[in-house]
Amino acid sequence: MKYSLIGAILVAFTLTACGDPKPGQYPPGFMDEREGMDELDATLSEATEAVEQEESVLDTIEDAIEDAIDAVEDAVEDAVDAVEDAFDDTEDAVEEAADDTADAVEEAIDDAEDAIEEAVEE
């Protein structure tokens, strides 16, 4: 009786295990074609192309910005050099004018002293 019960259980398991596979019993294969895969591939390739175009545009913009920054830096350096040159020229002109004024004052003092000596002698 004991063996017949075990045999019946084994026969029942064997019969229930055989048959058509139940839905979800096996995972889908990697090679199976699913619905919408072609559309998904097309969308993915379009998105990849769009990203590549955006990267190309961003690279172009980045290059233009770097060129503009270089141009501004060069212009600022030129302007600073021009201001320094103008300051040096102005400084030289002021020193020359001061020297000329000092010479003129000395001459005026000498002339005044000569005039005073002549006036005293007369």
Protein backbone atom coordinates (compact mmCIF):
# COMPACT_ATOMS: atom_id res chain seq x y z
CA MET A 1 0.00 0.00 0.00
CA LYS A 2 2.83 2.26 0.81
CA TYR A 3 4.50 1.68 -2.52
CA SER A 4 1.27 2.01 -4.45
CA LEU A 5 0.64 5.44 -2.91
CA ILE A 6 4.15 6.60 -3.83
CA GLY A 7 3.70 5.18 -7.33
CA ALA A 8 0.38 7.00 -7.75
CA ILE A 9 1.97 10.27 -6.65
CA LEU A 10 4.84 9.78 -9.12
CA VAL A 11 2.43 9.01 -11.96
CA ALA A 12 0.35 12.08 -11.09
CA PHE A 13 3.46 14.33 -11.12
CA THR A 14 4.60 12.86 -14.39
CA LEU A 15 1.25 13.36 -16.08
CA THR A 16 0.78 16.92 -14.86
CA ALA A 17 4.32 17.92 -15.82
CA CYS A 18 3.82 16.85 -19.43
CA GLY A 19 1.76 18.85 -21.89
CA ASP A 20 1.76 22.26 -23.52
CA PRO A 21 3.90 24.89 -21.85
CA LYS A 22 1.95 27.38 -19.83
CA PRO A 23 2.17 31.12 -20.63
CA GLY A 24 5.04 32.74 -18.75
CA GLN A 25 6.59 29.39 -17.96
CA TYR A 26 9.62 30.03 -20.17
CA PRO A 27 11.34 33.40 -20.75
CA PRO A 28 11.13 34.71 -24.31
CA GLY A 29 14.12 33.87 -26.48
CA PHE A 30 16.66 36.47 -27.48
CA MET A 31 16.20 35.67 -31.14
CA ASP A 32 12.41 36.04 -31.13
CA GLU A 33 11.08 39.04 -33.03
CA ARG A 34 8.81 41.12 -30.86
CA GLU A 35 6.21 43.64 -31.88
CA GLY A 36 7.49 47.20 -32.34
CA MET A 37 11.19 46.31 -32.40
CA ASP A 38 11.65 47.80 -35.88
CA GLU A 39 10.00 51.02 -34.77
CA LEU A 40 12.14 51.08 -31.64
CA ASP A 41 15.32 50.58 -33.67
CA ALA A 42 14.32 53.36 -36.08
CA THR A 43 13.56 55.72 -33.20
CA LEU A 44 16.85 54.84 -31.53
CA SER A 45 18.85 55.51 -34.69
CA GLU A 46 17.04 58.85 -35.21
CA ALA A 47 17.79 59.83 -31.62
CA THR A 48 21.45 58.86 -32.08
CA GLU A 49 21.70 61.00 -35.22
CA ALA A 50 20.05 63.92 -33.43
CA VAL A 51 22.52 63.65 -30.54
CA GLU A 52 25.46 63.55 -32.96
CA GLN A 53 24.15 66.65 -34.74
CA GLU A 54 23.70 68.45 -31.43
CA GLU A 55 27.25 67.54 -30.41
CA SER A 56 28.52 68.87 -33.74
CA VAL A 57 26.61 72.12 -33.27
CA LEU A 58 27.86 72.43 -29.70
CA ASP A 59 31.46 71.89 -30.85
CA THR A 60 31.02 74.60 -33.49
CA ILE A 61 29.55 77.01 -30.93
CA GLU A 62 32.32 76.21 -28.47
CA ASP A 63 34.97 76.93 -31.13
CA ALA A 64 33.28 80.22 -32.02
CA ILE A 65 33.15 81.25 -28.36
CA GLU A 66 36.83 80.41 -27.88
CA ASP A 67 37.71 82.47 -30.97
CA ALA A 68 35.64 85.39 -29.68
CA ILE A 69 37.31 85.21 -26.27
CA ASP A 70 40.75 85.20 -27.91
CA ALA A 71 39.78 88.21 -30.03
CA VAL A 72 38.53 90.13 -26.97
CA GLU A 73 41.70 89.28 -25.02
CA ASP A 74 43.84 90.52 -27.92
CA ALA A 75 41.79 93.72 -28.20
CA VAL A 76 42.09 94.36 -24.46
CA GLU A 77 45.85 93.78 -24.56
CA ASP A 78 46.17 96.21 -27.49
CA ALA A 79 44.07 98.79 -25.68
CA VAL A 80 46.16 98.45 -22.51
CA ASP A 81 49.36 98.85 -24.55
CA ALA A 82 47.94 101.95 -26.25
CA VAL A 83 46.96 103.49 -22.90
CA GLU A 84 50.40 102.74 -21.44
CA ASP A 85 52.07 104.30 -24.48
CA ALA A 86 49.83 107.37 -24.22
CA PHE A 87 50.59 107.65 -20.51
CA ASP A 88 54.33 107.40 -21.17
CA ASP A 89 54.09 110.04 -23.92
CA THR A 90 52.07 112.32 -21.63
CA GLU A 91 54.52 111.80 -18.81
CA ASP A 92 57.44 112.67 -21.11
CA ALA A 93 55.60 115.76 -22.36
CA VAL A 94 54.88 116.92 -18.80
CA GLU A 95 58.52 116.43 -17.80
CA GLU A 96 59.67 118.37 -20.87
CA ALA A 97 57.19 121.16 -20.18
CA ALA A 98 58.35 121.31 -16.55
CA ASP A 99 61.98 121.53 -17.66
CA ASP A 100 61.10 124.28 -20.17
CA THR A 101 59.18 126.17 -17.49
CA ALA A 102 62.05 125.84 -15.02
CA ASP A 103 64.48 127.14 -17.67
CA ALA A 104 62.15 130.04 -18.47
CA VAL A 105 61.80 130.91 -14.78
CA GLU A 106 65.59 130.84 -14.33
CA GLU A 107 66.03 133.09 -17.34
CA ALA A 108 63.36 135.47 -16.00
CA ILE A 109 65.10 135.55 -12.63
CA ASP A 110 68.45 136.23 -14.29
CA ASP A 111 66.91 139.00 -16.39
CA ALA A 112 65.25 140.47 -13.31
CA GLU A 113 68.54 140.39 -11.40
CA ASP A 114 70.33 142.07 -14.32
CA ALA A 115 67.64 144.71 -14.50
CA ILE A 116 67.90 145.33 -10.75
CA GLU A 117 71.71 145.64 -10.95
CA GLU A 118 71.41 148.11 -13.82
CA ALA A 119 68.82 150.11 -11.97
CA VAL A 120 71.00 150.21 -8.86
CA GLU A 121 74.07 151.33 -10.84
CA GLU A 122 72.28 154.20 -12.42
